PDB file of all heavy atoms in Angstrom:
ATOM      1  N   GLY A   1     -55.049 -11.475 -28.822  1.00  0.00           N
ATOM      2  CA  GLY A   1     -53.688 -11.419 -28.312  1.00  0.00           C
ATOM      3  C   GLY A   1     -53.281 -12.751 -27.666  1.00  0.00           C
ATOM      4  O   GLY A   1     -54.118 -13.492 -27.169  1.00  0.00           O
ATOM      5  N   LEU A   2     -52.003 -13.016 -27.677  1.00  0.00           N
ATOM      6  CA  LEU A   2     -51.459 -14.221 -27.033  1.00  0.00           C
ATOM      7  C   LEU A   2     -51.051 -13.805 -25.598  1.00  0.00           C
ATOM      8  O   LEU A   2     -50.262 -12.893 -25.385  1.00  0.00           O
ATOM      9  CB  LEU A   2     -50.215 -14.746 -27.813  1.00  0.00           C
ATOM     10  CG  LEU A   2     -49.731 -16.126 -27.448  1.00  0.00           C
ATOM     11  CD1 LEU A   2     -50.814 -17.192 -27.734  1.00  0.00           C
ATOM     12  CD2 LEU A   2     -48.464 -16.452 -28.229  1.00  0.00           C
ATOM     13  N   MET A   3     -51.633 -14.507 -24.656  1.00  0.00           N
ATOM     14  CA  MET A   3     -51.466 -14.138 -23.240  1.00  0.00           C
ATOM     15  C   MET A   3     -51.018 -15.310 -22.393  1.00  0.00           C
ATOM     16  O   MET A   3     -51.484 -16.402 -22.554  1.00  0.00           O
ATOM     17  CB  MET A   3     -52.795 -13.578 -22.697  1.00  0.00           C
ATOM     18  CG  MET A   3     -52.715 -13.121 -21.275  1.00  0.00           C
ATOM     19  SD  MET A   3     -54.348 -12.699 -20.604  1.00  0.00           S
ATOM     20  CE  MET A   3     -55.004 -14.385 -20.437  1.00  0.00           C
ATOM     21  N   SER A   4     -50.079 -15.033 -21.475  1.00  0.00           N
ATOM     22  CA  SER A   4     -49.662 -16.063 -20.521  1.00  0.00           C
ATOM     23  C   SER A   4     -49.502 -15.451 -19.123  1.00  0.00           C
ATOM     24  O   SER A   4     -49.330 -14.238 -19.024  1.00  0.00           O
ATOM     25  CB  SER A   4     -48.307 -16.662 -20.982  1.00  0.00           C
ATOM     26  OG  SER A   4     -47.972 -17.799 -20.171  1.00  0.00           O
ATOM     27  N   THR A   5     -49.644 -16.270 -18.100  1.00  0.00           N
ATOM     28  CA  THR A   5     -49.423 -15.763 -16.727  1.00  0.00           C
ATOM     29  C   THR A   5     -48.002 -16.054 -16.343  1.00  0.00           C
ATOM     30  O   THR A   5     -47.564 -17.180 -16.361  1.00  0.00           O
ATOM     31  CB  THR A   5     -50.420 -16.482 -15.765  1.00  0.00           C
ATOM     32  OG1 THR A   5     -51.750 -16.229 -16.210  1.00  0.00           O
ATOM     33  CG2 THR A   5     -50.249 -15.923 -14.368  1.00  0.00           C
ATOM     34  N   LEU A   6     -47.290 -15.000 -15.940  1.00  0.00           N
ATOM     35  CA  LEU A   6     -45.884 -15.090 -15.529  1.00  0.00           C
ATOM     36  C   LEU A   6     -45.792 -14.874 -14.022  1.00  0.00           C
ATOM     37  O   LEU A   6     -46.637 -14.225 -13.383  1.00  0.00           O
ATOM     38  CB  LEU A   6     -45.069 -14.067 -16.223  1.00  0.00           C
ATOM     39  CG  LEU A   6     -45.104 -14.101 -17.770  1.00  0.00           C
ATOM     40  CD1 LEU A   6     -44.127 -13.059 -18.345  1.00  0.00           C
ATOM     41  CD2 LEU A   6     -44.758 -15.479 -18.320  1.00  0.00           C
ATOM     42  N   PRO A   7     -44.763 -15.418 -13.379  1.00  0.00           N
ATOM     43  CA  PRO A   7     -44.638 -15.327 -11.892  1.00  0.00           C
ATOM     44  C   PRO A   7     -44.193 -13.949 -11.468  1.00  0.00           C
ATOM     45  O   PRO A   7     -43.605 -13.199 -12.225  1.00  0.00           O
ATOM     46  CB  PRO A   7     -43.568 -16.363 -11.574  1.00  0.00           C
ATOM     47  CG  PRO A   7     -42.719 -16.413 -12.821  1.00  0.00           C
ATOM     48  CD  PRO A   7     -43.672 -16.224 -13.961  1.00  0.00           C
ATOM     49  N   THR A   8     -44.510 -13.597 -10.237  1.00  0.00           N
ATOM     50  CA  THR A   8     -43.972 -12.399  -9.574  1.00  0.00           C
ATOM     51  C   THR A   8     -43.271 -12.756  -8.296  1.00  0.00           C
ATOM     52  O   THR A   8     -43.501 -13.824  -7.756  1.00  0.00           O
ATOM     53  CB  THR A   8     -45.107 -11.388  -9.297  1.00  0.00           C
ATOM     54  OG1 THR A   8     -46.159 -12.059  -8.587  1.00  0.00           O
ATOM     55  CG2 THR A   8     -45.652 -10.786 -10.541  1.00  0.00           C
ATOM     56  N   PHE A   9     -42.374 -11.838  -7.849  1.00  0.00           N
ATOM     57  CA  PHE A   9     -41.515 -12.146  -6.704  1.00  0.00           C
ATOM     58  C   PHE A   9     -41.541 -11.032  -5.655  1.00  0.00           C
ATOM     59  O   PHE A   9     -40.736 -11.027  -4.757  1.00  0.00           O
ATOM     60  CB  PHE A   9     -40.123 -12.422  -7.137  1.00  0.00           C
ATOM     61  CG  PHE A   9     -39.979 -13.539  -8.157  1.00  0.00           C
ATOM     62  CD1 PHE A   9     -40.113 -13.322  -9.521  1.00  0.00           C
ATOM     63  CD2 PHE A   9     -39.774 -14.818  -7.670  1.00  0.00           C
ATOM     64  CE1 PHE A   9     -40.022 -14.386 -10.408  1.00  0.00           C
ATOM     65  CE2 PHE A   9     -39.681 -15.896  -8.576  1.00  0.00           C
ATOM     66  CZ  PHE A   9     -39.833 -15.698  -9.945  1.00  0.00           C
ATOM     67  N   GLY A  10     -42.462 -10.080  -5.790  1.00  0.00           N
ATOM     68  CA  GLY A  10     -42.545  -9.014  -4.805  1.00  0.00           C
ATOM     69  C   GLY A  10     -43.420  -9.371  -3.653  1.00  0.00           C
ATOM     70  O   GLY A  10     -43.796 -10.533  -3.473  1.00  0.00           O
ATOM     71  N   PRO A  11     -43.798  -8.376  -2.819  1.00  0.00           N
ATOM     72  CA  PRO A  11     -44.650  -8.635  -1.649  1.00  0.00           C
ATOM     73  C   PRO A  11     -46.027  -9.248  -2.045  1.00  0.00           C
ATOM     74  O   PRO A  11     -46.566 -10.007  -1.226  1.00  0.00           O
ATOM     75  CB  PRO A  11     -44.843  -7.233  -1.052  1.00  0.00           C
ATOM     76  CG  PRO A  11     -43.696  -6.449  -1.555  1.00  0.00           C
ATOM     77  CD  PRO A  11     -43.385  -6.975  -2.906  1.00  0.00           C
ATOM     78  N   ASP A  12     -46.529  -8.926  -3.176  1.00  0.00           N
ATOM     79  CA  ASP A  12     -47.813  -9.465  -3.651  1.00  0.00           C
ATOM     80  C   ASP A  12     -47.566 -10.479  -4.709  1.00  0.00           C
ATOM     81  O   ASP A  12     -48.175 -10.427  -5.800  1.00  0.00           O
ATOM     82  CB  ASP A  12     -48.716  -8.372  -4.172  1.00  0.00           C
ATOM     83  CG  ASP A  12     -48.940  -7.255  -3.102  1.00  0.00           C
ATOM     84  OD1 ASP A  12     -49.164  -7.614  -1.978  1.00  0.00           O
ATOM     85  OD2 ASP A  12     -48.859  -6.088  -3.466  1.00  0.00           O
ATOM     86  N   SER A  13     -46.696 -11.440  -4.496  1.00  0.00           N
ATOM     87  CA  SER A  13     -46.221 -12.317  -5.551  1.00  0.00           C
ATOM     88  C   SER A  13     -47.005 -13.606  -5.748  1.00  0.00           C
ATOM     89  O   SER A  13     -46.673 -14.417  -6.579  1.00  0.00           O
ATOM     90  CB  SER A  13     -44.767 -12.685  -5.269  1.00  0.00           C
ATOM     91  OG  SER A  13     -44.678 -13.396  -4.052  1.00  0.00           O
ATOM     92  N   THR A  14     -48.080 -13.766  -4.995  1.00  0.00           N
ATOM     93  CA  THR A  14     -48.759 -15.044  -5.055  1.00  0.00           C
ATOM     94  C   THR A  14     -49.530 -15.271  -6.365  1.00  0.00           C
ATOM     95  O   THR A  14     -49.746 -16.358  -6.821  1.00  0.00           O
ATOM     96  CB  THR A  14     -49.740 -15.212  -3.881  1.00  0.00           C
ATOM     97  OG1 THR A  14     -50.608 -14.065  -3.870  1.00  0.00           O
ATOM     98  CG2 THR A  14     -48.991 -15.295  -2.570  1.00  0.00           C
ATOM     99  N   ASN A  15     -49.998 -14.149  -6.983  1.00  0.00           N
ATOM    100  CA  ASN A  15     -50.869 -14.304  -8.156  1.00  0.00           C
ATOM    101  C   ASN A  15     -50.162 -14.258  -9.501  1.00  0.00           C
ATOM    102  O   ASN A  15     -50.722 -14.720 -10.476  1.00  0.00           O
ATOM    103  CB  ASN A  15     -51.911 -13.170  -8.105  1.00  0.00           C
ATOM    104  CG  ASN A  15     -52.991 -13.438  -7.064  1.00  0.00           C
ATOM    105  OD1 ASN A  15     -53.478 -14.539  -6.973  1.00  0.00           O
ATOM    106  ND2 ASN A  15     -53.334 -12.414  -6.276  1.00  0.00           N
ATOM    107  N   GLY A  16     -48.988 -13.700  -9.590  1.00  0.00           N
ATOM    108  CA  GLY A  16     -48.357 -13.512 -10.884  1.00  0.00           C
ATOM    109  C   GLY A  16     -48.999 -12.395 -11.664  1.00  0.00           C
ATOM    110  O   GLY A  16     -49.804 -11.618 -11.129  1.00  0.00           O
ATOM    111  N   PHE A  17     -48.712 -12.293 -12.942  1.00  0.00           N
ATOM    112  CA  PHE A  17     -49.350 -11.273 -13.775  1.00  0.00           C
ATOM    113  C   PHE A  17     -49.593 -11.830 -15.164  1.00  0.00           C
ATOM    114  O   PHE A  17     -48.870 -12.699 -15.674  1.00  0.00           O
ATOM    115  CB  PHE A  17     -48.497  -9.984 -13.893  1.00  0.00           C
ATOM    116  CG  PHE A  17     -47.259 -10.087 -14.652  1.00  0.00           C
ATOM    117  CD1 PHE A  17     -47.166  -9.752 -16.005  1.00  0.00           C
ATOM    118  CD2 PHE A  17     -46.083 -10.581 -14.082  1.00  0.00           C
ATOM    119  CE1 PHE A  17     -46.009  -9.826 -16.753  1.00  0.00           C
ATOM    120  CE2 PHE A  17     -44.877 -10.703 -14.791  1.00  0.00           C
ATOM    121  CZ  PHE A  17     -44.848 -10.337 -16.144  1.00  0.00           C
ATOM    122  N   ASP A  18     -50.696 -11.353 -15.788  1.00  0.00           N
ATOM    123  CA  ASP A  18     -51.035 -11.776 -17.147  1.00  0.00           C
ATOM    124  C   ASP A  18     -50.379 -10.830 -18.140  1.00  0.00           C
ATOM    125  O   ASP A  18     -50.534  -9.590 -18.068  1.00  0.00           O
ATOM    126  CB  ASP A  18     -52.544 -11.740 -17.314  1.00  0.00           C
ATOM    127  CG  ASP A  18     -53.237 -12.726 -16.362  1.00  0.00           C
ATOM    128  OD1 ASP A  18     -52.733 -13.854 -16.236  1.00  0.00           O
ATOM    129  OD2 ASP A  18     -54.234 -12.337 -15.733  1.00  0.00           O
ATOM    130  N   PHE A  19     -49.673 -11.376 -19.113  1.00  0.00           N
ATOM    131  CA  PHE A  19     -48.871 -10.603 -20.079  1.00  0.00           C
ATOM    132  C   PHE A  19     -49.485 -10.794 -21.458  1.00  0.00           C
ATOM    133  O   PHE A  19     -49.553 -11.903 -21.963  1.00  0.00           O
ATOM    134  CB  PHE A  19     -47.437 -11.115 -20.014  1.00  0.00           C
ATOM    135  CG  PHE A  19     -46.462 -10.222 -20.740  1.00  0.00           C
ATOM    136  CD1 PHE A  19     -46.602  -8.862 -20.792  1.00  0.00           C
ATOM    137  CD2 PHE A  19     -45.334 -10.805 -21.365  1.00  0.00           C
ATOM    138  CE1 PHE A  19     -45.662  -8.052 -21.407  1.00  0.00           C
ATOM    139  CE2 PHE A  19     -44.408 -10.043 -22.006  1.00  0.00           C
ATOM    140  CZ  PHE A  19     -44.580  -8.641 -22.038  1.00  0.00           C
ATOM    141  N   ILE A  20     -49.932  -9.711 -22.076  1.00  0.00           N
ATOM    142  CA  ILE A  20     -50.553  -9.767 -23.379  1.00  0.00           C
ATOM    143  C   ILE A  20     -50.236  -8.477 -24.172  1.00  0.00           C
ATOM    144  O   ILE A  20     -50.292  -7.412 -23.588  1.00  0.00           O
ATOM    145  CB  ILE A  20     -52.103  -9.945 -23.183  1.00  0.00           C
ATOM    146  CG1 ILE A  20     -52.814 -10.037 -24.528  1.00  0.00           C
ATOM    147  CG2 ILE A  20     -52.719  -8.809 -22.357  1.00  0.00           C
ATOM    148  CD1 ILE A  20     -54.293 -10.410 -24.411  1.00  0.00           C
ATOM    149  N   ASP A  21     -49.779  -8.539 -25.376  1.00  0.00           N
ATOM    150  CA  ASP A  21     -49.687  -9.590 -26.347  1.00  0.00           C
ATOM    151  C   ASP A  21     -48.240 -10.090 -26.371  1.00  0.00           C
ATOM    152  O   ASP A  21     -47.302  -9.280 -26.407  1.00  0.00           O
ATOM    153  CB  ASP A  21     -50.095  -9.054 -27.693  1.00  0.00           C
ATOM    154  CG  ASP A  21     -49.972 -10.039 -28.858  1.00  0.00           C
ATOM    155  OD1 ASP A  21     -49.952 -11.282 -28.609  1.00  0.00           O
ATOM    156  OD2 ASP A  21     -49.892  -9.588 -29.972  1.00  0.00           O
ATOM    157  N   MET A  22     -48.024 -11.380 -26.402  1.00  0.00           N
ATOM    158  CA  MET A  22     -46.697 -11.974 -26.420  1.00  0.00           C
ATOM    159  C   MET A  22     -46.199 -12.325 -27.810  1.00  0.00           C
ATOM    160  O   MET A  22     -45.202 -13.049 -27.919  1.00  0.00           O
ATOM    161  CB  MET A  22     -46.688 -13.239 -25.547  1.00  0.00           C
ATOM    162  CG  MET A  22     -47.083 -13.021 -24.103  1.00  0.00           C
ATOM    163  SD  MET A  22     -46.678 -14.434 -23.070  1.00  0.00           S
ATOM    164  CE  MET A  22     -47.378 -15.758 -24.032  1.00  0.00           C
ATOM    165  N   GLY A  23     -46.899 -11.885 -28.854  1.00  0.00           N
ATOM    166  CA  GLY A  23     -46.378 -12.141 -30.153  1.00  0.00           C
ATOM    167  C   GLY A  23     -47.379 -12.580 -31.220  1.00  0.00           C
ATOM    168  O   GLY A  23     -46.985 -12.989 -32.319  1.00  0.00           O
ATOM    169  N   ALA A  24     -48.630 -12.545 -30.894  1.00  0.00           N
ATOM    170  CA  ALA A  24     -49.617 -12.929 -31.935  1.00  0.00           C
ATOM    171  C   ALA A  24     -49.660 -11.941 -33.079  1.00  0.00           C
ATOM    172  O   ALA A  24     -49.972 -12.267 -34.224  1.00  0.00           O
ATOM    173  CB  ALA A  24     -51.030 -13.065 -31.326  1.00  0.00           C
ATOM    174  N   ASN A  25     -49.272 -10.646 -32.802  1.00  0.00           N
ATOM    175  CA  ASN A  25     -49.312  -9.581 -33.783  1.00  0.00           C
ATOM    176  C   ASN A  25     -48.018  -8.799 -33.805  1.00  0.00           C
ATOM    177  O   ASN A  25     -47.618  -8.305 -32.700  1.00  0.00           O
ATOM    178  CB  ASN A  25     -50.494  -8.634 -33.493  1.00  0.00           C
ATOM    179  CG  ASN A  25     -51.814  -9.368 -33.323  1.00  0.00           C
ATOM    180  OD1 ASN A  25     -52.413  -9.765 -34.270  1.00  0.00           O
ATOM    181  ND2 ASN A  25     -52.186  -9.597 -32.067  1.00  0.00           N
ATOM    182  N   ALA A  26     -47.383  -8.667 -34.897  1.00  0.00           N
ATOM    183  CA  ALA A  26     -46.142  -7.910 -35.007  1.00  0.00           C
ATOM    184  C   ALA A  26     -46.381  -6.417 -34.914  1.00  0.00           C
ATOM    185  O   ALA A  26     -45.551  -5.644 -34.419  1.00  0.00           O
ATOM    186  CB  ALA A  26     -45.363  -8.255 -36.269  1.00  0.00           C
ATOM    187  N   ASP A  27     -47.517  -5.970 -35.451  1.00  0.00           N
ATOM    188  CA  ASP A  27     -47.885  -4.533 -35.429  1.00  0.00           C
ATOM    189  C   ASP A  27     -49.252  -4.370 -34.794  1.00  0.00           C
ATOM    190  O   ASP A  27     -50.170  -5.128 -35.078  1.00  0.00           O
ATOM    191  CB  ASP A  27     -47.933  -4.001 -36.883  1.00  0.00           C
ATOM    192  CG  ASP A  27     -46.589  -4.064 -37.557  1.00  0.00           C
ATOM    193  OD1 ASP A  27     -45.665  -3.359 -37.088  1.00  0.00           O
ATOM    194  OD2 ASP A  27     -46.430  -4.827 -38.526  1.00  0.00           O
ATOM    195  N   ASN A  28     -49.345  -3.360 -33.930  1.00  0.00           N
ATOM    196  CA  ASN A  28     -50.619  -3.116 -33.233  1.00  0.00           C
ATOM    197  C   ASN A  28     -50.994  -1.636 -33.321  1.00  0.00           C
ATOM    198  O   ASN A  28     -50.141  -0.783 -33.277  1.00  0.00           O
ATOM    199  CB  ASN A  28     -50.528  -3.500 -31.764  1.00  0.00           C
ATOM    200  CG  ASN A  28     -50.585  -5.012 -31.562  1.00  0.00           C
ATOM    201  OD1 ASN A  28     -49.608  -5.632 -31.170  1.00  0.00           O
ATOM    202  ND2 ASN A  28     -51.733  -5.629 -31.810  1.00  0.00           N
ATOM    203  N   LYS A  29     -52.292  -1.417 -33.387  1.00  0.00           N
ATOM    204  CA  LYS A  29     -52.827  -0.059 -33.308  1.00  0.00           C
ATOM    205  C   LYS A  29     -53.205   0.180 -31.801  1.00  0.00           C
ATOM    206  O   LYS A  29     -53.376  -0.751 -31.038  1.00  0.00           O
ATOM    207  CB  LYS A  29     -54.053   0.114 -34.175  1.00  0.00           C
ATOM    208  CG  LYS A  29     -53.816  -0.114 -35.641  1.00  0.00           C
ATOM    209  CD  LYS A  29     -55.086  -0.008 -36.483  1.00  0.00           C
ATOM    210  CE  LYS A  29     -54.833  -0.264 -37.924  1.00  0.00           C
ATOM    211  NZ  LYS A  29     -56.109  -0.243 -38.728  1.00  0.00           N
ATOM    212  N   PRO A  30     -53.374   1.451 -31.422  1.00  0.00           N
ATOM    213  CA  PRO A  30     -53.746   1.731 -30.008  1.00  0.00           C
ATOM    214  C   PRO A  30     -54.977   0.971 -29.585  1.00  0.00           C
ATOM    215  O   PRO A  30     -55.046   0.473 -28.438  1.00  0.00           O
ATOM    216  CB  PRO A  30     -53.984   3.221 -30.045  1.00  0.00           C
ATOM    217  CG  PRO A  30     -53.107   3.745 -31.108  1.00  0.00           C
ATOM    218  CD  PRO A  30     -53.131   2.691 -32.191  1.00  0.00           C
ATOM    219  N   GLU A  31     -56.013   0.901 -30.459  1.00  0.00           N
ATOM    220  CA  GLU A  31     -57.244   0.243 -30.024  1.00  0.00           C
ATOM    221  C   GLU A  31     -57.041  -1.252 -29.732  1.00  0.00           C
ATOM    222  O   GLU A  31     -57.758  -1.842 -28.905  1.00  0.00           O
ATOM    223  CB  GLU A  31     -58.349   0.399 -31.072  1.00  0.00           C
ATOM    224  CG  GLU A  31     -57.974  -0.027 -32.483  1.00  0.00           C
ATOM    225  CD  GLU A  31     -57.454   1.093 -33.336  1.00  0.00           C
ATOM    226  OE1 GLU A  31     -56.847   2.030 -32.775  1.00  0.00           O
ATOM    227  OE2 GLU A  31     -57.677   1.033 -34.600  1.00  0.00           O
ATOM    228  N   HIS A  32     -56.075  -1.870 -30.389  1.00  0.00           N
ATOM    229  CA  HIS A  32     -55.764  -3.280 -30.122  1.00  0.00           C
ATOM    230  C   HIS A  32     -55.283  -3.456 -28.645  1.00  0.00           C
ATOM    231  O   HIS A  32     -55.687  -4.357 -27.903  1.00  0.00           O
ATOM    232  CB  HIS A  32     -54.725  -3.843 -31.056  1.00  0.00           C
ATOM    233  CG  HIS A  32     -55.089  -3.750 -32.488  1.00  0.00           C
ATOM    234  ND1 HIS A  32     -54.152  -3.725 -33.513  1.00  0.00           N
ATOM    235  CD2 HIS A  32     -56.273  -3.717 -33.101  1.00  0.00           C
ATOM    236  CE1 HIS A  32     -54.740  -3.653 -34.681  1.00  0.00           C
ATOM    237  NE2 HIS A  32     -56.064  -3.642 -34.433  1.00  0.00           N
ATOM    238  N   ILE A  33     -54.393  -2.547 -28.241  1.00  0.00           N
ATOM    239  CA  ILE A  33     -53.777  -2.671 -26.880  1.00  0.00           C
ATOM    240  C   ILE A  33     -54.838  -2.330 -25.856  1.00  0.00           C
ATOM    241  O   ILE A  33     -54.804  -2.923 -24.743  1.00  0.00           O
ATOM    242  CB  ILE A  33     -52.519  -1.777 -26.794  1.00  0.00           C
ATOM    243  CG1 ILE A  33     -51.515  -2.206 -27.883  1.00  0.00           C
ATOM    244  CG2 ILE A  33     -51.882  -1.942 -25.414  1.00  0.00           C
ATOM    245  CD1 ILE A  33     -50.259  -1.350 -27.933  1.00  0.00           C
ATOM    246  N   VAL A  34     -55.693  -1.412 -26.140  1.00  0.00           N
ATOM    247  CA  VAL A  34     -56.819  -1.127 -25.195  1.00  0.00           C
ATOM    248  C   VAL A  34     -57.699  -2.372 -25.042  1.00  0.00           C
ATOM    249  O   VAL A  34     -58.100  -2.716 -23.936  1.00  0.00           O
ATOM    250  CB  VAL A  34     -57.667   0.063 -25.676  1.00  0.00           C
ATOM    251  CG1 VAL A  34     -58.848   0.241 -24.788  1.00  0.00           C
ATOM    252  CG2 VAL A  34     -56.793   1.343 -25.674  1.00  0.00           C
ATOM    253  N   THR A  35     -57.956  -3.055 -26.152  1.00  0.00           N
ATOM    254  CA  THR A  35     -58.700  -4.315 -26.078  1.00  0.00           C
ATOM    255  C   THR A  35     -57.963  -5.349 -25.234  1.00  0.00           C
ATOM    256  O   THR A  35     -58.612  -6.089 -24.479  1.00  0.00           O
ATOM    257  CB  THR A  35     -58.959  -4.875 -27.509  1.00  0.00           C
ATOM    258  OG1 THR A  35     -59.732  -3.947 -28.263  1.00  0.00           O
ATOM    259  CG2 THR A  35     -59.620  -6.235 -27.483  1.00  0.00           C
ATOM    260  N   TYR A  36     -56.637  -5.414 -25.327  1.00  0.00           N
ATOM    261  CA  TYR A  36     -55.874  -6.362 -24.517  1.00  0.00           C
ATOM    262  C   TYR A  36     -56.088  -6.086 -23.009  1.00  0.00           C
ATOM    263  O   TYR A  36     -56.122  -7.020 -22.207  1.00  0.00           O
ATOM    264  CB  TYR A  36     -54.397  -6.320 -24.843  1.00  0.00           C
ATOM    265  CG  TYR A  36     -54.073  -6.670 -26.244  1.00  0.00           C
ATOM    266  CD1 TYR A  36     -52.898  -6.195 -26.897  1.00  0.00           C
ATOM    267  CD2 TYR A  36     -54.925  -7.533 -27.012  1.00  0.00           C
ATOM    268  CE1 TYR A  36     -52.595  -6.516 -28.200  1.00  0.00           C
ATOM    269  CE2 TYR A  36     -54.591  -7.866 -28.318  1.00  0.00           C
ATOM    270  CZ  TYR A  36     -53.445  -7.354 -28.924  1.00  0.00           C
ATOM    271  OH  TYR A  36     -53.133  -7.707 -30.178  1.00  0.00           O
ATOM    272  N   ALA A  37     -56.216  -4.807 -22.670  1.00  0.00           N
ATOM    273  CA  ALA A  37     -56.447  -4.451 -21.260  1.00  0.00           C
ATOM    274  C   ALA A  37     -57.779  -5.007 -20.802  1.00  0.00           C
ATOM    275  O   ALA A  37     -57.894  -5.485 -19.658  1.00  0.00           O
ATOM    276  CB  ALA A  37     -56.383  -2.942 -21.116  1.00  0.00           C
ATOM    277  N   VAL A  38     -58.776  -4.928 -21.664  1.00  0.00           N
ATOM    278  CA  VAL A  38     -60.097  -5.482 -21.332  1.00  0.00           C
ATOM    279  C   VAL A  38     -60.025  -6.986 -21.207  1.00  0.00           C
ATOM    280  O   VAL A  38     -60.540  -7.598 -20.260  1.00  0.00           O
ATOM    281  CB  VAL A  38     -61.149  -5.059 -22.360  1.00  0.00           C
ATOM    282  CG1 VAL A  38     -62.511  -5.678 -22.045  1.00  0.00           C
ATOM    283  CG2 VAL A  38     -61.298  -3.509 -22.411  1.00  0.00           C
ATOM    284  N   LEU A  39     -59.367  -7.631 -22.184  1.00  0.00           N
ATOM    285  CA  LEU A  39     -59.237  -9.059 -22.156  1.00  0.00           C
ATOM    286  C   LEU A  39     -58.516  -9.546 -20.904  1.00  0.00           C
ATOM    287  O   LEU A  39     -58.939 -10.486 -20.239  1.00  0.00           O
ATOM    288  CB  LEU A  39     -58.480  -9.575 -23.413  1.00  0.00           C
ATOM    289  CG  LEU A  39     -59.168  -9.346 -24.744  1.00  0.00           C
ATOM    290  CD1 LEU A  39     -58.170  -9.726 -25.880  1.00  0.00           C
ATOM    291  CD2 LEU A  39     -60.429 -10.162 -24.889  1.00  0.00           C
ATOM    292  N   GLY A  40     -57.385  -8.884 -20.614  1.00  0.00           N
ATOM    293  CA  GLY A  40     -56.589  -9.274 -19.438  1.00  0.00           C
ATOM    294  C   GLY A  40     -57.363  -9.088 -18.125  1.00  0.00           C
ATOM    295  O   GLY A  40     -57.253  -9.879 -17.228  1.00  0.00           O
ATOM    296  N   THR A  41     -58.180  -8.005 -18.066  1.00  0.00           N
ATOM    297  CA  THR A  41     -58.967  -7.731 -16.893  1.00  0.00           C
ATOM    298  C   THR A  41     -59.997  -8.864 -16.669  1.00  0.00           C
ATOM    299  O   THR A  41     -60.180  -9.359 -15.558  1.00  0.00           O
ATOM    300  CB  THR A  41     -59.681  -6.405 -17.003  1.00  0.00           C
ATOM    301  OG1 THR A  41     -58.662  -5.359 -17.032  1.00  0.00           O
ATOM    302  CG2 THR A  41     -60.611  -6.152 -15.859  1.00  0.00           C
TER     303      THR A  41
END
């Protein structure tokens, strides 16, 4: 997956958040998105 860190502006805004997948795959199966959760973690 294509992943980038985006800013946050809430009370816990210092770290931002990692956003995946941003467009590497037009179609995904459930197992792909579960894998993204592991990658992002």
